[in-house]
C-alpha atoms as a PDB file:
ATOM      1  CA  MET A   1      32.230-121.991-167.940  1.00  0.00           C
ATOM      2  CA  THR A   2      35.968-122.280-168.489  1.00  0.00           C
ATOM      3  CA  VAL A   3      38.434-119.985-166.714  1.00  0.00           C
ATOM      4  CA  TRP A   4      41.742-119.163-168.384  1.00  0.00           C
ATOM      5  CA  GLN A   5      44.654-117.411-166.712  1.00  0.00           C
ATOM      6  CA  ALA A   6      46.680-115.180-169.017  1.00  0.00           C
ATOM      7  CA  ASP A   7      49.977-113.338-168.915  1.00  0.00           C
ATOM      8  CA  PHE A   8      51.491-111.169-171.668  1.00  0.00           C
ATOM      9  CA  TYR A   9      54.998-109.881-171.204  1.00  0.00           C
ATOM     10  CA  ARG A  10      58.144-108.817-173.007  1.00  0.00           C
ATOM     11  CA  ARG A  11      60.798-111.505-173.108  1.00  0.00           C
ATOM     12  CA  PRO A  12      64.568-110.916-173.177  1.00  0.00           C
ATOM     13  CA  LEU A  13      64.565-112.438-176.679  1.00  0.00           C
ATOM     14  CA  GLN A  14      64.732-111.004-180.195  1.00  0.00           C
ATOM     15  CA  ASN A  15      63.674-112.234-183.609  1.00  0.00           C
ATOM     16  CA  ALA A  16      65.924-112.277-186.693  1.00  0.00           C
ATOM     17  CA  ALA A  17      65.116-108.598-187.325  1.00  0.00           C
ATOM     18  CA  LYS A  18      66.418-107.760-183.796  1.00  0.00           C
ATOM     19  CA  GLN A  19      62.924-106.848-182.580  1.00  0.00           C
ATOM     20  CA  PRO A  20      62.046-107.636-178.943  1.00  0.00           C
ATOM     21  CA  LEU A  21      59.627-110.537-178.550  1.00  0.00           C
ATOM     22  CA  TRP A  22      56.499-110.621-176.414  1.00  0.00           C
ATOM     23  CA  GLU A  23      55.019-113.855-175.072  1.00  0.00           C
ATOM     24  CA  LEU A  24      51.383-114.665-174.360  1.00  0.00           C
ATOM     25  CA  VAL A  25      50.881-117.577-171.974  1.00  0.00           C
ATOM     26  CA  VAL A  26      47.423-118.981-171.206  1.00  0.00           C
ATOM     27  CA  CYS A  27      46.373-121.935-169.043  1.00  0.00           C
ATOM     28  CA  ASN A  28      43.453-123.103-166.999  1.00  0.00           C
ATOM     29  CA  PRO A  29      43.823-123.430-163.200  1.00  0.00           C
ATOM     30  CA  GLU A  30      44.072-127.242-163.445  1.00  0.00           C
ATOM     31  CA  ARG A  31      46.770-126.976-166.139  1.00  0.00           C
ATOM     32  CA  THR A  32      44.901-129.393-168.396  1.00  0.00           C
ATOM     33  CA  PHE A  33      45.142-126.703-171.063  1.00  0.00           C
ATOM     34  CA  SER A  34      48.065-124.397-171.726  1.00  0.00           C
ATOM     35  CA  ALA A  35      49.275-122.480-174.757  1.00  0.00           C
ATOM     36  CA  GLN A  36      51.893-119.907-175.607  1.00  0.00           C
ATOM     37  CA  ALA A  37      52.689-117.678-178.543  1.00  0.00           C
ATOM     38  CA  PHE A  38      55.348-115.108-179.367  1.00  0.00           C
ATOM     39  CA  CYS A  39      55.034-111.899-181.355  1.00  0.00           C
ATOM     40  CA  PRO A  40      57.491-109.135-182.291  1.00  0.00           C
ATOM     41  CA  GLN A  41      57.215-105.718-180.630  1.00  0.00           C
ATOM     42  CA  PRO A  42      55.417-104.000-183.573  1.00  0.00           C
ATOM     43  CA  GLU A  43      52.603-106.608-183.452  1.00  0.00           C
ATOM     44  CA  ALA A  44      52.193-106.603-179.643  1.00  0.00           C
ATOM     45  CA  ASN A  45      48.709-105.177-179.159  1.00  0.00           C
ATOM     46  CA  SER A  46      45.199-106.104-178.091  1.00  0.00           C
ATOM     47  CA  VAL A  47      44.217-107.193-181.613  1.00  0.00           C
ATOM     48  CA  TRP A  48      47.018-109.774-181.711  1.00  0.00           C
ATOM     49  CA  ILE A  49      46.102-111.023-178.221  1.00  0.00           C
ATOM     50  CA  ALA A  50      42.409-111.342-179.136  1.00  0.00           C
ATOM     51  CA  ASP A  51      43.290-113.261-182.313  1.00  0.00           C
ATOM     52  CA  GLN A  52      45.416-115.729-180.353  1.00  0.00           C
ATOM     53  CA  LEU A  53      42.715-116.263-177.731  1.00  0.00           C
ATOM     54  CA  LEU A  54      40.054-116.832-180.385  1.00  0.00           C
ATOM     55  CA  GLN A  55      42.258-119.384-182.173  1.00  0.00           C
ATOM     56  CA  TRP A  56      42.907-121.323-178.975  1.00  0.00           C
ATOM     57  CA  ARG A  57      39.258-121.157-177.995  1.00  0.00           C
ATOM     58  CA  ALA A  58      38.245-122.617-181.366  1.00  0.00           C
ATOM     59  CA  VAL A  59      40.799-125.429-181.063  1.00  0.00           C
ATOM     60  CA  GLU A  60      39.589-126.296-177.569  1.00  0.00           C
ATOM     61  CA  LYS A  61      35.920-125.947-178.635  1.00  0.00           C
ATOM     62  CA  ILE A  62      35.233-123.542-175.769  1.00  0.00           C
ATOM     63  CA  TYR A  63      32.289-121.240-176.307  1.00  0.00           C
ATOM     64  CA  ARG A  64      32.136-119.436-172.966  1.00  0.00           C
ATOM     65  CA  ASN A  65      35.118-118.517-170.901  1.00  0.00           C
ATOM     66  CA  ARG A  66      36.458-116.004-168.412  1.00  0.00           C
ATOM     67  CA  PHE A  67      39.959-114.667-168.073  1.00  0.00           C
ATOM     68  CA  ARG A  68      42.169-113.956-165.112  1.00  0.00           C
ATOM     69  CA  TYR A  69      45.146-111.820-165.874  1.00  0.00           C
ATOM     70  CA  PHE A  70      48.134-110.662-163.903  1.00  0.00           C
ATOM     71  CA  VAL A  71      49.396-107.108-163.659  1.00  0.00           C
ATOM     72  CA  LEU A  72      52.866-106.388-162.363  1.00  0.00           C
ATOM     73  CA  SER A  73      53.407-102.937-160.953  1.00  0.00           C
ATOM     74  CA  GLN A  74      56.817-101.440-160.456  1.00  0.00           C
END
């Protein structure tokens, strides 16, 4: 079973339409796999995240995996 670590956060960047950008970063603990993707604020939701993860999983031919995610509290 493959373990991926994931983080999804708002970046201090904007797209051409002046919308804030969010970044999804995923890697495995050994760092033999890593990927990142950006999306504008209106698209930043669980559906977008799931689509990205499924795409990367298909590319890596991974059929079972677990996720570790990080939560920052203020």
